[in-house]
Amino acid sequence: MERGFQTFLGFGGSFTESSAELLQKMKPHQQEQVIEAYFSQEKGIAYSWGRIHMGACDFSRGNWSCVEQENDKELKSFSIERYRAAMLPMIKRAQEVASRPLQLIASPWSPPAWMKDTGRMQGGGTLKDDFKPAWAQHFLRFAQAFKEEGAPLWGFTVQNEPHATTPWENCLYNGEMERDFVRDHLGPVLEASGLDLKLLVWDHNRDEMYARAHTIYNDPEAAKYIWGIGYHWYGDPRYEFWPAREGMTLFDNVRKVHELRPDKHIIMTEACQETGPRIGDWQLGERYAEAIIKDLESWLEAWIDWNLILDERGGPNHVQNLVSAPMIFDTERGKLLYLSSFYYIGQFSRYIKPGAQRISTSSSRDKLEATGFVNPDGSVVAVVLNQEDYDIGFWLQVASRSVETQAPARSITTYVIPKIADPPPTWMVDETAEEQ
């Protein structure tokens, strides 16, 4: 049956050096608990994606690259030895626990310092023209090395946050620079490799993703190498508006990117709560749920969170850019803590399977946020979020079936309806109760 919406690919998190080294400091049973909680279908929330930083990032243990030798255009000193210490063991254990192959996407924060016009990995700067061929080859070498380690990559983003100058590792690309690097260097190198590596552009916030997509997609020689666009969630999309169209939220901006090129794909590549852990804060979970629902309704195809686990301060982070994660390890007490974001993400990731197709949703009023999917086995999944301070009763209708139920105040609920003979392309949340 034609449903007309996107096929969903899965949820995941990021294997940062900080997370991996923190995991190694935990007791063996705690390490196993973390991996199973994220990647097991039976015991956890069934993640099937992972993101890796190619070279150092703010959540690495210091500033480093895979090619430390100055002016090594032939990449003779290339090495992923740093990953073998903690990150690769964490990835391999996740592969063993996951119920399906783990899709790994790698993102660079910065080329080696000697490839940049500033001579530094941090604080801005751009890739020198002379080193563009070598940097493109670096992507391929990284993919080949991970494949040899038994952790093949699904693909790459061209550059993490290419529009931000930060105290941590970064490299600036405007739209034309990213387009030209893909068209003239990176795209041809990856295509010639035969490794079927996907390539995403932008990898930054919703606000300017349409402008970036427009620049790159309108060049057919660049666009042919691009699988899709990645983006981050920073900034509050409920209150920030896309300046190009008055009154449009940033979620509308995501939708416009899909409308620009429906044949291309859209993935959330990074999300986290800024300014440190929010232990005991249930509004954190609500922020996640609202964003996930609105992104899914805007043609999102995969959701990848940031660090899998951090310490009680929101690190380690070598530039003190402390944030939150769905799981926190209290190093002083030796305790593992689950934050509300973990549980709210799980309301989606455990039940919406890779390969599920989104179906149209409708509601008689706007007090409930909701999204719906048909899984590959034919079951229908509906996730309903109530952020009001009172219960809301409603009828859930799917095809000829309906049930009267209730969304408790400040709750998220997942409904799984077994396969029916002919599920329609729509389902309805019909609210029947006002404030209690």
Protein backbone atom coordinates (compact mmCIF):
# COMPACT_ATOMS: atom_id res chain seq x y z
CA MET A 1 0.00 0.00 0.00
CA GLU A 2 1.33 3.44 -0.90
CA ARG A 3 1.77 5.59 2.18
CA GLY A 4 3.73 8.42 0.65
CA PHE A 5 6.01 9.29 3.57
CA GLN A 6 9.57 8.45 4.56
CA THR A 7 11.01 5.09 5.53
CA PHE A 8 12.63 5.38 8.94
CA LEU A 9 16.15 4.03 9.41
CA GLY A 10 16.69 4.01 13.18
CA PHE A 11 18.00 5.73 16.30
CA GLY A 12 21.50 5.90 17.73
CA GLY A 13 24.15 7.72 19.74
CA SER A 14 27.80 8.72 19.48
CA PHE A 15 30.92 6.75 20.40
CA THR A 16 33.08 9.64 21.57
CA GLU A 17 36.49 9.16 23.14
CA SER A 18 35.13 10.66 26.36
CA SER A 19 32.28 8.14 26.51
CA ALA A 20 34.50 5.20 25.63
CA GLU A 21 37.21 6.00 28.20
CA LEU A 22 34.59 6.65 30.86
CA LEU A 23 33.05 3.26 30.10
CA GLN A 24 36.41 1.58 30.71
CA LYS A 25 36.56 3.08 34.20
CA MET A 26 33.32 1.37 35.17
CA LYS A 27 32.94 -2.08 36.68
CA PRO A 28 32.46 -4.88 34.10
CA HIS A 29 28.79 -5.39 34.96
CA GLN A 30 28.17 -1.64 34.61
CA GLN A 31 29.88 -1.59 31.23
CA GLU A 32 27.63 -4.39 30.08
CA GLN A 33 24.60 -2.59 31.48
CA VAL A 34 25.37 0.52 29.42
CA ILE A 35 25.82 -1.38 26.16
CA GLU A 36 22.72 -3.51 26.67
CA ALA A 37 20.64 -0.52 27.73
CA TYR A 38 21.37 1.21 24.45
CA PHE A 39 21.75 -1.53 21.87
CA SER A 40 19.76 -4.57 23.01
CA GLN A 41 16.24 -5.03 21.67
CA GLU A 42 15.29 -7.23 24.62
CA LYS A 43 16.95 -5.32 27.47
CA GLY A 44 17.31 -1.82 26.09
CA ILE A 45 16.15 0.81 23.63
CA ALA A 46 17.45 -0.88 20.47
CA TYR A 47 19.85 1.68 19.01
CA SER A 48 21.04 0.75 15.52
CA TRP A 49 23.19 3.78 14.59
CA GLY A 50 26.45 5.22 15.88
CA ARG A 51 28.45 8.37 15.15
CA ILE A 52 32.24 8.64 15.38
CA HIS A 53 34.47 11.70 15.38
CA MET A 54 37.26 11.43 12.77
CA GLY A 55 40.15 12.95 14.69
CA ALA A 56 39.73 15.01 17.84
CA CYS A 57 36.57 16.79 18.95
CA ASP A 58 35.60 18.60 22.14
CA PHE A 59 34.67 15.22 23.66
CA SER A 60 38.07 13.68 22.98
CA ARG A 61 40.90 13.50 25.47
CA GLY A 62 42.94 16.36 24.05
CA ASN A 63 43.78 17.68 20.61
CA TRP A 64 45.00 15.08 18.09
CA SER A 65 44.64 13.87 14.51
CA CYS A 66 45.12 10.64 12.58
CA VAL A 67 48.05 12.17 10.66
CA GLU A 68 50.37 13.94 13.07
CA GLN A 69 53.38 14.25 10.76
CA GLU A 70 53.61 17.75 9.25
CA ASN A 71 52.96 18.09 5.50
CA ASP A 72 52.36 14.36 5.07
CA LYS A 73 50.36 14.67 1.85
CA GLU A 74 50.74 10.97 1.12
CA LEU A 75 49.34 10.11 4.58
CA LYS A 76 52.24 7.79 5.35
CA SER A 77 51.84 8.47 9.07
CA PHE A 78 48.08 7.83 9.05
CA SER A 79 46.98 5.78 12.05
CA ILE A 80 43.79 4.92 13.95
CA GLU A 81 45.74 3.55 16.91
CA ARG A 82 43.99 6.05 19.15
CA TYR A 83 40.66 4.35 18.43
CA ARG A 84 41.92 0.90 19.40
CA ALA A 85 42.36 1.95 23.02
CA ALA A 86 38.71 2.56 23.92
CA MET A 87 36.41 3.59 21.07
CA LEU A 88 36.72 0.48 18.88
CA PRO A 89 36.22 -1.93 21.81
CA MET A 90 33.04 -0.04 22.72
CA ILE A 91 31.81 -0.15 19.13
CA LYS A 92 32.55 -3.86 18.77
CA ARG A 93 30.68 -4.73 21.95
CA ALA A 94 27.72 -2.71 20.71
CA GLN A 95 27.86 -4.64 17.43
CA GLU A 96 27.65 -7.90 19.36
CA VAL A 97 24.64 -6.80 21.38
CA ALA A 98 22.67 -5.01 18.65
CA SER A 99 19.89 -7.00 17.01
CA ARG A 100 20.79 -5.65 13.55
CA PRO A 101 23.95 -4.36 11.84
CA LEU A 102 25.19 -1.12 13.37
CA GLN A 103 25.22 1.81 10.94
CA LEU A 104 28.31 3.92 11.66
CA ILE A 105 28.73 7.45 10.39
CA ALA A 106 31.97 9.42 10.85
CA SER A 107 32.33 13.20 11.06
CA PRO A 108 35.49 15.34 11.12
CA TRP A 109 35.71 18.31 13.47
CA SER A 110 38.93 19.53 11.87
CA PRO A 111 41.64 18.40 9.46
CA PRO A 112 45.13 18.14 10.94
CA ALA A 113 46.45 21.57 11.90
CA TRP A 114 49.02 21.59 9.12
CA MET A 115 46.27 21.30 6.48
CA LYS A 116 44.59 24.55 7.63
CA ASP A 117 45.30 28.18 6.88
CA THR A 118 45.49 29.00 10.60
CA GLY A 119 47.86 26.17 11.50
CA ARG A 120 45.49 25.24 14.36
CA MET A 121 42.69 22.72 14.70
CA GLN A 122 40.70 24.96 17.06
CA GLY A 123 39.21 28.41 16.63
CA GLY A 124 38.14 28.46 13.00
CA GLY A 125 40.23 28.48 9.86
CA THR A 126 39.73 26.72 6.55
CA LEU A 127 41.24 23.84 4.61
CA LYS A 128 44.13 24.93 2.39
CA ASP A 129 43.62 24.34 -1.33
CA ASP A 130 46.89 22.41 -1.60
CA PHE A 131 45.69 19.85 0.92
CA LYS A 132 42.17 19.21 -0.40
CA PRO A 133 43.20 16.05 -2.31
CA ALA A 134 45.02 14.68 0.75
CA TRP A 135 42.07 15.44 3.02
CA ALA A 136 39.71 13.62 0.66
CA GLN A 137 42.05 10.62 0.70
CA HIS A 138 42.06 10.82 4.51
CA PHE A 139 38.32 10.06 4.53
CA LEU A 140 38.92 6.97 2.42
CA ARG A 141 41.84 5.78 4.54
CA PHE A 142 39.70 6.16 7.64
CA ALA A 143 36.90 4.07 6.12
CA GLN A 144 39.33 1.39 4.96
CA ALA A 145 40.97 1.21 8.39
CA PHE A 146 37.64 0.81 10.18
CA LYS A 147 36.57 -1.87 7.74
CA GLU A 148 39.78 -3.77 8.47
CA GLU A 149 38.95 -3.52 12.19
CA GLY A 150 35.55 -5.14 11.61
CA ALA A 151 33.63 -1.89 12.07
CA PRO A 152 32.68 -0.82 8.53
CA LEU A 153 31.34 2.68 8.09
CA TRP A 154 27.94 3.47 6.59
CA GLY A 155 29.11 6.92 5.56
CA PHE A 156 30.45 10.37 6.40
CA THR A 157 29.39 13.93 6.94
CA VAL A 158 31.67 16.39 5.18
CA GLN A 159 32.26 18.57 8.25
CA ASN A 160 30.80 18.91 11.72
CA GLU A 161 29.26 22.37 12.22
CA PRO A 162 30.97 24.09 9.27
CA HIS A 163 29.50 27.47 10.18
CA ALA A 164 30.82 27.70 13.77
CA THR A 165 34.05 29.13 15.13
CA THR A 166 34.57 27.46 18.51
CA PRO A 167 37.28 26.98 21.16
CA TRP A 168 37.34 23.31 20.20
CA GLU A 169 38.23 21.67 16.88
CA ASN A 170 36.44 23.00 13.81
CA CYS A 171 36.88 23.99 10.18
CA LEU A 172 34.81 26.53 8.26
CA TYR A 173 33.08 25.92 4.94
CA ASN A 174 30.54 28.20 3.32
CA GLY A 175 28.07 26.60 0.93
CA GLU A 176 30.22 27.07 -2.14
CA MET A 177 33.32 25.72 -0.40
CA GLU A 178 31.55 22.57 0.78
CA ARG A 179 29.93 22.08 -2.63
CA ASP A 180 33.23 22.41 -4.46
CA PHE A 181 35.12 20.12 -2.07
CA VAL A 182 32.48 17.42 -2.56
CA ARG A 183 32.29 17.88 -6.32
CA ASP A 184 36.00 18.11 -7.07
CA HIS A 185 37.61 15.95 -4.39
CA LEU A 186 35.67 13.99 -1.78
CA GLY A 187 32.80 12.74 -3.93
CA PRO A 188 34.98 11.25 -6.68
CA VAL A 189 37.35 9.64 -4.15
CA LEU A 190 34.57 7.90 -2.22
CA GLU A 191 32.72 6.82 -5.36
CA ALA A 192 35.86 5.30 -6.86
CA SER A 193 36.53 3.32 -3.67
CA GLY A 194 33.69 0.87 -4.28
CA LEU A 195 32.83 0.91 -0.55
CA ASP A 196 29.28 2.28 -1.03
CA LEU A 197 29.89 5.08 1.47
CA LYS A 198 27.06 7.58 1.89
CA LEU A 199 27.87 11.29 2.11
CA LEU A 200 25.91 13.96 3.99
CA VAL A 201 26.41 17.71 3.88
CA TRP A 202 25.81 20.55 6.38
CA ASP A 203 25.84 18.67 9.74
CA HIS A 204 24.85 21.85 11.57
CA ASN A 205 21.67 23.50 12.89
CA ARG A 206 18.21 23.74 11.35
CA ASP A 207 18.37 27.49 10.82
CA GLU A 208 20.51 27.58 7.68
CA MET A 209 20.13 24.04 6.39
CA TYR A 210 17.85 25.08 3.53
CA ALA A 211 20.36 27.63 2.24
CA ARG A 212 23.14 25.02 2.36
CA ALA A 213 21.00 22.40 0.64
CA HIS A 214 19.97 24.89 -2.04
CA THR A 215 23.58 25.77 -2.83
CA ILE A 216 24.79 22.18 -3.07
CA TYR A 217 21.75 20.43 -4.54
CA ASN A 218 21.50 22.98 -7.37
CA ASP A 219 24.88 21.87 -8.69
CA PRO A 220 24.16 18.48 -10.30
CA GLU A 221 27.85 17.57 -10.42
CA ALA A 222 28.06 17.95 -6.64
CA ALA A 223 24.56 16.70 -5.82
CA LYS A 224 25.14 13.36 -7.52
CA TYR A 225 27.60 12.43 -4.76
CA ILE A 226 25.31 13.50 -1.90
CA TRP A 227 23.00 10.99 -0.18
CA GLY A 228 21.40 13.68 1.95
CA ILE A 229 21.76 16.30 4.64
CA GLY A 230 22.52 16.02 8.36
CA TYR A 231 21.58 18.56 10.98
CA HIS A 232 21.76 19.36 14.71
CA TRP A 233 19.03 20.54 17.06
CA TYR A 234 20.74 23.43 18.89
CA GLY A 235 18.61 26.52 19.40
CA ASP A 236 15.00 26.16 20.52
CA PRO A 237 12.87 25.61 17.40
CA ARG A 238 9.66 26.48 19.27
CA TYR A 239 10.72 30.10 19.48
CA GLU A 240 13.34 30.62 16.81
CA PHE A 241 12.07 31.32 13.33
CA TRP A 242 13.59 30.83 9.93
CA PRO A 243 14.30 34.38 8.70
CA ALA A 244 13.72 33.55 5.04
CA ARG A 245 9.98 33.04 5.57
CA GLU A 246 8.17 35.02 8.26
CA GLY A 247 6.35 32.85 10.77
CA MET A 248 7.96 29.55 9.76
CA THR A 249 9.54 27.52 12.54
CA LEU A 250 12.80 25.71 12.07
CA PHE A 251 10.89 22.44 11.72
CA ASP A 252 9.25 23.99 8.66
CA ASN A 253 12.76 24.62 7.42
CA VAL A 254 13.50 20.89 7.66
CA ARG A 255 10.36 20.20 5.65
CA LYS A 256 11.39 22.72 3.00
CA VAL A 257 14.69 20.89 2.54
CA HIS A 258 12.73 17.73 1.79
CA GLU A 259 10.51 19.58 -0.67
CA LEU A 260 13.59 20.98 -2.42
CA ARG A 261 14.88 17.48 -3.24
CA PRO A 262 12.47 14.70 -2.22
CA ASP A 263 14.93 12.13 -3.57
CA LYS A 264 17.54 13.13 -0.97
CA HIS A 265 17.53 12.12 2.69
CA ILE A 266 17.48 13.87 6.07
CA ILE A 267 19.17 12.70 9.30
CA MET A 268 19.55 14.25 12.75
CA THR A 269 23.26 13.81 13.39
CA GLU A 270 23.64 15.41 16.84
CA ALA A 271 21.49 16.43 19.79
CA CYS A 272 22.14 16.99 23.48
CA GLN A 273 21.09 19.21 26.35
CA GLU A 274 23.66 21.97 26.70
CA THR A 275 25.20 23.33 29.95
CA GLY A 276 25.72 20.07 31.79
CA PRO A 277 23.64 17.16 33.11
CA ARG A 278 19.97 17.66 33.98
CA ILE A 279 19.63 14.89 36.56
CA GLY A 280 16.03 14.50 37.69
CA ASP A 281 14.70 16.98 35.11
CA TRP A 282 11.73 15.48 33.26
CA GLN A 283 11.37 18.52 31.00
CA LEU A 284 14.58 17.32 29.38
CA GLY A 285 12.75 14.23 28.19
CA GLU A 286 9.85 16.33 26.96
CA ARG A 287 12.25 18.48 24.93
CA TYR A 288 13.57 15.34 23.26
CA ALA A 289 10.12 13.91 22.58
CA GLU A 290 8.72 17.11 21.12
CA ALA A 291 11.74 17.54 18.86
CA ILE A 292 11.69 13.91 17.71
CA ILE A 293 7.97 14.02 16.90
CA LYS A 294 8.21 17.30 15.00
CA ASP A 295 11.31 16.15 13.14
CA LEU A 296 9.68 12.85 12.19
CA GLU A 297 6.67 14.77 10.92
CA SER A 298 9.11 16.87 8.84
CA TRP A 299 10.58 13.86 6.95
CA LEU A 300 13.44 12.94 9.28
CA GLU A 301 14.80 9.44 8.53
CA ALA A 302 17.20 8.75 11.43
CA TRP A 303 17.99 10.30 14.80
CA ILE A 304 21.51 10.19 16.29
CA ASP A 305 22.05 11.58 19.78
CA TRP A 306 25.41 12.93 21.00
CA ASN A 307 27.52 11.25 23.75
CA LEU A 308 26.26 7.88 24.94
CA ILE A 309 27.49 8.47 28.47
CA LEU A 310 29.18 11.29 30.40
CA ASP A 311 30.29 11.90 33.97
CA GLU A 312 28.45 13.89 36.64
CA ARG A 313 29.96 17.17 35.38
CA GLY A 314 28.99 16.58 31.76
CA GLY A 315 32.47 15.59 30.59
CA PRO A 316 35.25 14.71 30.21
CA ASN A 317 35.71 17.55 27.74
CA HIS A 318 39.12 19.01 26.97
CA VAL A 319 37.75 22.55 26.52
CA GLN A 320 35.10 22.34 29.29
CA ASN A 321 32.13 22.42 26.89
CA LEU A 322 30.05 20.43 29.38
CA VAL A 323 26.69 18.99 28.30
CA SER A 324 24.25 16.25 29.24
CA ALA A 325 23.79 12.68 28.00
CA PRO A 326 20.97 10.15 28.42
CA MET A 327 23.18 8.17 30.82
CA ILE A 328 25.46 9.68 33.46
CA PHE A 329 28.15 7.84 35.42
CA ASP A 330 28.69 9.41 38.83
CA THR A 331 32.42 8.80 39.21
CA GLU A 332 32.47 9.80 42.89
CA ARG A 333 29.77 7.34 43.93
CA GLY A 334 30.37 4.76 41.22
CA LYS A 335 26.70 4.87 40.23
CA LEU A 336 25.05 4.76 36.82
CA LEU A 337 22.17 7.20 36.34
CA TYR A 338 19.47 7.15 33.67
CA LEU A 339 18.13 10.58 32.69
CA SER A 340 14.65 11.31 31.41
CA SER A 341 15.99 11.68 27.87
CA PHE A 342 16.94 7.99 27.88
CA TYR A 343 13.39 6.91 28.65
CA TYR A 344 11.75 9.34 26.25
CA ILE A 345 14.03 8.35 23.35
CA GLY A 346 13.25 4.72 24.15
CA GLN A 347 9.52 5.34 23.68
CA PHE A 348 10.38 5.77 19.99
CA SER A 349 13.49 3.67 19.39
CA ARG A 350 12.24 0.41 20.93
CA TYR A 351 9.06 0.33 18.89
CA ILE A 352 9.62 2.15 15.59
CA LYS A 353 11.77 -0.38 13.75
CA PRO A 354 14.25 0.36 10.97
CA GLY A 355 12.28 0.07 7.76
CA ALA A 356 9.08 1.47 9.27
CA GLN A 357 7.04 3.84 7.12
CA ARG A 358 5.50 6.98 8.50
CA ILE A 359 1.75 7.33 8.12
CA SER A 360 -0.32 10.48 8.19
CA THR A 361 -1.53 11.61 11.60
CA SER A 362 -4.29 14.00 12.54
CA SER A 363 -5.72 15.41 15.75
CA SER A 364 -8.86 17.41 16.44
CA ARG A 365 -6.86 19.92 18.50
CA ASP A 366 -3.22 20.70 19.16
CA LYS A 367 -2.85 19.77 22.83
CA LEU A 368 -1.29 16.40 21.98
CA GLU A 369 1.85 15.85 19.89
CA ALA A 370 1.80 12.57 17.98
CA THR A 371 3.45 10.57 15.22
CA GLY A 372 2.70 7.18 13.67
CA PHE A 373 4.51 4.45 11.73
CA VAL A 374 3.80 1.06 10.17
CA ASN A 375 6.60 -1.39 11.00
CA PRO A 376 7.92 -3.93 8.48
CA ASP A 377 5.86 -6.63 10.26
CA GLY A 378 2.68 -4.62 9.68
CA SER A 379 2.21 -3.46 13.26
CA VAL A 380 1.23 0.18 13.75
CA VAL A 381 3.09 2.32 16.30
CA ALA A 382 1.66 5.57 17.65
CA VAL A 383 3.62 7.79 20.05
CA VAL A 384 1.57 10.42 21.91
CA LEU A 385 3.07 13.24 24.02
CA ASN A 386 1.04 15.27 26.51
CA GLN A 387 2.94 18.28 27.90
CA GLU A 388 -0.11 19.73 29.62
CA ASP A 389 -0.57 19.67 33.40
CA TYR A 390 -3.81 17.70 33.14
CA ASP A 391 -4.97 14.38 31.70
CA ILE A 392 -6.36 14.36 28.17
CA GLY A 393 -8.78 11.65 27.10
CA PHE A 394 -8.97 10.71 23.44
CA TRP A 395 -10.04 8.08 20.93
CA LEU A 396 -7.20 6.40 19.05
CA GLN A 397 -8.47 5.28 15.64
CA VAL A 398 -6.60 3.09 13.15
CA ALA A 399 -8.58 1.77 10.19
CA SER A 400 -11.76 0.19 11.58
CA ARG A 401 -10.29 -0.15 15.05
CA SER A 402 -10.64 2.44 17.79
CA VAL A 403 -9.99 2.59 21.49
CA GLU A 404 -10.85 5.18 24.11
CA THR A 405 -7.81 5.96 26.21
CA GLN A 406 -6.12 8.74 28.11
CA ALA A 407 -2.81 10.58 28.00
CA PRO A 408 -1.91 11.35 31.63
CA ALA A 409 -0.61 14.79 32.48
CA ARG A 410 3.03 15.35 31.41
CA SER A 411 3.34 11.90 29.86
CA ILE A 412 4.55 10.07 26.79
CA THR A 413 2.77 6.89 25.68
CA THR A 414 3.56 4.43 22.91
CA TYR A 415 0.75 2.34 21.42
CA VAL A 416 1.55 -0.78 19.39
CA ILE A 417 -1.35 -2.14 17.32
CA PRO A 418 -0.83 -5.64 15.86
CA LYS A 419 -0.90 -6.10 12.11
CA ILE A 420 -4.31 -5.61 10.54
CA ALA A 421 -5.43 -6.67 7.10
CA ASP A 422 -5.41 -3.27 5.44
CA PRO A 423 -3.99 -0.49 7.64
CA PRO A 424 -4.83 2.93 6.21
CA PRO A 425 -2.29 5.64 5.45
CA THR A 426 -3.73 7.73 8.29
CA TRP A 427 -4.63 7.43 11.94
CA MET A 428 -6.35 9.91 14.22
CA VAL A 429 -6.04 11.15 17.76
CA ASP A 430 -9.50 12.53 18.60
CA GLU A 431 -9.36 14.41 21.89
CA THR A 432 -12.45 14.13 24.06
CA ALA A 433 -11.48 15.60 27.40
CA GLU A 434 -10.59 19.10 28.49
CA GLU A 435 -8.76 20.15 31.62
CA GLN A 436 -9.54 17.85 34.53
